Amino acid sequence: MAQQIATNITWHEHHVSKAERAGLSGHPGSVLWFTGLSACGKSTIANTVDHMLHAQGKRTFVLDGDNIRHGLNKNLGFSAADRAENIRRIGEVAKLFCDAGVIALTAFISPYRADRDAVRALLQPGEFVEIFVNASLETCEKRDPKGLYKKARAGEIKGFTGIDDPYEPPQNAEIVLDGDNRTIDELAAEVVEYLTTHGRLSL
């Protein structure tokens, strides 16, 4: 957990409430947290869900792991400490989107349960939807769109999740997607169905 080191700061309450912002959106804010091995399909599914929800008139935004490392988190590497800080920062950003009445879709390997649970703890019950894209290491290595597994197997990348660094799968994810056998569209539809039936797309 990051330590508070800033001093002489005061929390300012907003004049527009969280409920009022949700009312303008027509639905509550949510954080859809896609987690899984590299090449399991997280980003593709998240962007497909984003497209489907946008077509329904929902307020959404995708926070993608690689994209965030080009900006907000470009000063972080892939050590355990840096991974934790990466997830802590994006968790705080996702919470701001949620408070604004936006459905934030995050696509991060986020290999450690404690880091994901820390983000869940920032949010109210129901706001954090953990989505485990359960694709086997074999499937992910076969896809390997960025050639990262090949480099990791050759020793060119150290600390690569699933090869020489651990991935801790969720124990109680709200949604578990079959990344080995189902299509992207089927998996995205499953996510949208969950959001519909659990009241995350309307007030």
Protein backbone atom coordinates (compact mmCIF):
# COMPACT_ATOMS: atom_id res chain seq x y z
CA MET A 1 0.00 0.00 0.00
CA ALA A 2 1.43 3.38 -1.01
CA GLN A 3 2.24 5.66 1.91
CA GLN A 4 0.71 9.13 2.18
CA ILE A 5 3.66 11.56 2.11
CA ALA A 6 2.00 14.80 0.95
CA THR A 7 1.33 17.33 3.70
CA ASN A 8 -0.81 20.47 4.05
CA ILE A 9 -3.54 19.07 1.80
CA THR A 10 -7.30 19.21 2.30
CA TRP A 11 -10.01 17.08 0.69
CA HIS A 12 -12.56 19.21 -1.18
CA GLU A 13 -16.08 17.84 -1.59
CA HIS A 14 -17.72 18.17 -5.01
CA HIS A 15 -20.86 20.26 -5.42
CA VAL A 16 -22.17 17.72 -7.96
CA SER A 17 -22.83 14.39 -6.27
CA LYS A 18 -21.91 10.94 -7.51
CA ALA A 19 -25.60 10.11 -7.81
CA GLU A 20 -26.22 13.23 -9.91
CA ARG A 21 -23.41 12.27 -12.26
CA ALA A 22 -24.85 8.77 -12.60
CA GLY A 23 -28.24 10.33 -13.31
CA LEU A 24 -26.78 12.30 -16.19
CA SER A 25 -25.21 9.12 -17.59
CA GLY A 26 -28.38 7.09 -17.11
CA HIS A 27 -26.42 4.33 -15.38
CA PRO A 28 -24.04 3.97 -12.42
CA GLY A 29 -20.31 4.11 -12.87
CA SER A 30 -18.48 0.79 -12.86
CA VAL A 31 -14.98 -0.61 -13.16
CA LEU A 32 -14.74 -3.66 -15.41
CA TRP A 33 -11.38 -5.17 -14.53
CA PHE A 34 -10.19 -7.59 -17.23
CA THR A 35 -7.30 -9.76 -15.99
CA GLY A 36 -5.42 -12.72 -17.45
CA LEU A 37 -2.21 -13.76 -19.14
CA SER A 38 -0.66 -11.78 -21.96
CA ALA A 39 -2.45 -12.63 -25.26
CA CYS A 40 -5.49 -14.10 -23.48
CA GLY A 41 -7.72 -11.55 -25.24
CA LYS A 42 -8.25 -8.95 -22.49
CA SER A 43 -7.81 -5.84 -24.62
CA THR A 44 -9.75 -7.20 -27.59
CA ILE A 45 -12.70 -8.23 -25.42
CA ALA A 46 -12.65 -4.95 -23.48
CA ASN A 47 -12.69 -2.93 -26.69
CA THR A 48 -15.51 -5.06 -28.10
CA VAL A 49 -17.56 -4.54 -24.93
CA ASP A 50 -16.76 -0.82 -25.12
CA HIS A 51 -18.06 -0.72 -28.70
CA MET A 52 -21.24 -2.60 -27.78
CA LEU A 53 -21.99 -0.36 -24.80
CA HIS A 54 -21.20 2.82 -26.72
CA ALA A 55 -23.70 1.72 -29.36
CA GLN A 56 -26.29 1.51 -26.57
CA GLY A 57 -25.54 5.09 -25.55
CA LYS A 58 -23.58 4.22 -22.42
CA ARG A 59 -20.68 6.35 -21.21
CA THR A 60 -17.54 4.21 -21.34
CA PHE A 61 -13.77 4.41 -21.62
CA VAL A 62 -11.06 1.76 -22.02
CA LEU A 63 -7.88 1.98 -19.97
CA ASP A 64 -5.42 -0.38 -21.67
CA GLY A 65 -2.21 -1.61 -20.03
CA ASP A 66 0.16 -0.79 -22.88
CA ASN A 67 -1.48 2.57 -23.54
CA ILE A 68 -1.22 3.63 -19.90
CA ARG A 69 2.48 2.73 -19.90
CA HIS A 70 2.97 5.18 -22.76
CA GLY A 71 1.84 8.04 -20.54
CA LEU A 72 0.73 7.97 -16.90
CA ASN A 73 2.93 4.99 -15.99
CA LYS A 74 5.80 5.38 -18.45
CA ASN A 75 8.27 5.64 -15.55
CA LEU A 76 7.44 2.13 -14.27
CA GLY A 77 9.09 -1.16 -15.14
CA PHE A 78 7.92 -4.72 -14.51
CA SER A 79 9.34 -5.54 -11.10
CA ALA A 80 6.84 -6.68 -8.46
CA ALA A 81 6.99 -3.22 -6.85
CA ASP A 82 6.48 -1.43 -10.17
CA ARG A 83 3.63 -3.77 -11.13
CA ALA A 84 1.94 -2.97 -7.80
CA GLU A 85 2.35 0.78 -8.35
CA ASN A 86 1.09 0.42 -11.93
CA ILE A 87 -2.11 -1.20 -10.70
CA ARG A 88 -2.48 1.21 -7.76
CA ARG A 89 -2.36 4.22 -10.07
CA ILE A 90 -4.78 2.80 -12.60
CA GLY A 91 -7.10 1.74 -9.80
CA GLU A 92 -7.28 5.32 -8.56
CA VAL A 93 -7.89 6.61 -12.10
CA ALA A 94 -10.59 3.99 -12.70
CA LYS A 95 -12.27 5.04 -9.46
CA LEU A 96 -12.42 8.64 -10.71
CA PHE A 97 -14.12 7.46 -13.90
CA CYS A 98 -16.56 5.42 -11.83
CA ASP A 99 -17.35 8.41 -9.60
CA ALA A 100 -18.00 10.44 -12.77
CA GLY A 101 -20.70 7.97 -13.88
CA VAL A 102 -18.53 6.32 -16.53
CA ILE A 103 -18.04 2.60 -17.10
CA ALA A 104 -14.25 2.17 -17.05
CA LEU A 105 -12.94 -0.95 -18.76
CA THR A 106 -9.39 -1.82 -17.71
CA ALA A 107 -7.25 -4.42 -19.52
CA PHE A 108 -4.20 -5.29 -17.42
CA ILE A 109 -2.45 -8.57 -16.73
CA SER A 110 -2.48 -7.49 -13.04
CA PRO A 111 -0.95 -10.81 -11.96
CA TYR A 112 -1.22 -10.42 -8.19
CA ARG A 113 -4.46 -10.94 -6.26
CA ALA A 114 -3.49 -8.47 -3.54
CA ASP A 115 -3.14 -5.66 -6.08
CA ARG A 116 -6.52 -6.41 -7.67
CA ASP A 117 -8.16 -6.71 -4.25
CA ALA A 118 -6.73 -3.32 -3.27
CA VAL A 119 -8.51 -1.75 -6.24
CA ARG A 120 -11.75 -3.53 -5.32
CA ALA A 121 -11.45 -2.06 -1.82
CA LEU A 122 -11.47 1.48 -3.28
CA LEU A 123 -14.97 0.98 -4.69
CA GLN A 124 -18.47 0.41 -3.40
CA PRO A 125 -20.09 -3.06 -3.54
CA GLY A 126 -21.10 -3.90 -7.11
CA GLU A 127 -18.93 -1.23 -8.73
CA PHE A 128 -15.89 -3.48 -9.26
CA VAL A 129 -16.47 -6.31 -11.71
CA GLU A 130 -13.48 -8.63 -11.93
CA ILE A 131 -13.40 -10.42 -15.29
CA PHE A 132 -10.95 -13.31 -15.56
CA VAL A 133 -10.15 -14.15 -19.16
CA ASN A 134 -9.23 -17.78 -18.55
CA ALA A 135 -7.02 -18.79 -21.46
CA SER A 136 -4.36 -21.44 -21.01
CA LEU A 137 -0.67 -20.66 -21.30
CA GLU A 138 -0.61 -22.95 -24.36
CA THR A 139 -3.33 -20.92 -26.08
CA CYS A 140 -1.64 -17.62 -25.25
CA GLU A 141 1.73 -18.83 -26.51
CA LYS A 142 0.16 -19.98 -29.77
CA ARG A 143 -1.33 -16.51 -30.32
CA ASP A 144 1.67 -14.48 -29.11
CA PRO A 145 0.79 -11.46 -31.32
CA LYS A 146 3.66 -9.36 -29.95
CA GLY A 147 6.23 -12.16 -29.95
CA LEU A 148 6.71 -11.73 -26.20
CA TYR A 149 6.45 -15.38 -25.23
CA LYS A 150 9.05 -16.29 -27.82
CA LYS A 151 11.41 -13.68 -26.37
CA ALA A 152 10.68 -14.82 -22.81
CA ARG A 153 11.38 -18.45 -23.70
CA ALA A 154 14.66 -17.34 -25.29
CA GLY A 155 15.63 -15.46 -22.12
CA GLU A 156 15.42 -12.07 -23.81
CA ILE A 157 12.67 -10.91 -21.42
CA LYS A 158 13.01 -11.54 -17.69
CA GLY A 159 10.14 -11.63 -15.19
CA PHE A 160 7.52 -12.42 -17.83
CA THR A 161 4.17 -13.43 -16.37
CA GLY A 162 3.39 -17.09 -16.92
CA ILE A 163 6.98 -18.00 -17.82
CA ASP A 164 9.32 -16.94 -15.02
CA ASP A 165 6.93 -14.74 -13.02
CA PRO A 166 3.68 -15.95 -11.42
CA TYR A 167 0.08 -15.23 -12.34
CA GLU A 168 -2.40 -15.56 -9.49
CA PRO A 169 -5.85 -16.26 -10.97
CA PRO A 170 -8.88 -14.72 -9.25
CA GLN A 171 -10.60 -16.91 -6.68
CA ASN A 172 -13.98 -15.15 -6.73
CA ALA A 173 -14.20 -13.23 -10.01
CA GLU A 174 -17.64 -11.94 -10.95
CA ILE A 175 -17.14 -13.25 -14.48
CA VAL A 176 -14.90 -16.07 -15.76
CA LEU A 177 -14.58 -16.14 -19.54
CA ASP A 178 -13.50 -19.20 -21.52
CA GLY A 179 -10.65 -17.71 -23.53
CA ASP A 180 -9.69 -21.06 -25.06
CA ASN A 181 -12.90 -22.08 -26.77
CA ARG A 182 -15.23 -19.13 -27.32
CA THR A 183 -15.10 -16.24 -29.77
CA ILE A 184 -14.44 -12.62 -28.84
CA ASP A 185 -18.01 -11.65 -29.72
CA GLU A 186 -19.42 -14.43 -27.54
CA LEU A 187 -17.25 -13.41 -24.61
CA ALA A 188 -18.11 -9.72 -24.99
CA ALA A 189 -21.83 -10.57 -25.12
CA GLU A 190 -21.42 -12.54 -21.89
CA VAL A 191 -20.00 -9.47 -20.17
CA VAL A 192 -22.80 -7.22 -21.42
CA GLU A 193 -25.39 -9.77 -20.27
CA TYR A 194 -23.88 -9.76 -16.78
CA LEU A 195 -23.95 -5.95 -16.62
CA THR A 196 -27.58 -5.92 -17.77
CA THR A 197 -28.81 -8.51 -15.30
CA HIS A 198 -26.90 -6.94 -12.40
CA GLY A 199 -28.28 -3.44 -12.96
CA ARG A 200 -25.06 -1.79 -14.10
CA LEU A 201 -26.52 -0.37 -17.33
CA SER A 202 -29.55 1.46 -15.94
CA LEU A 203 -30.78 3.29 -12.86
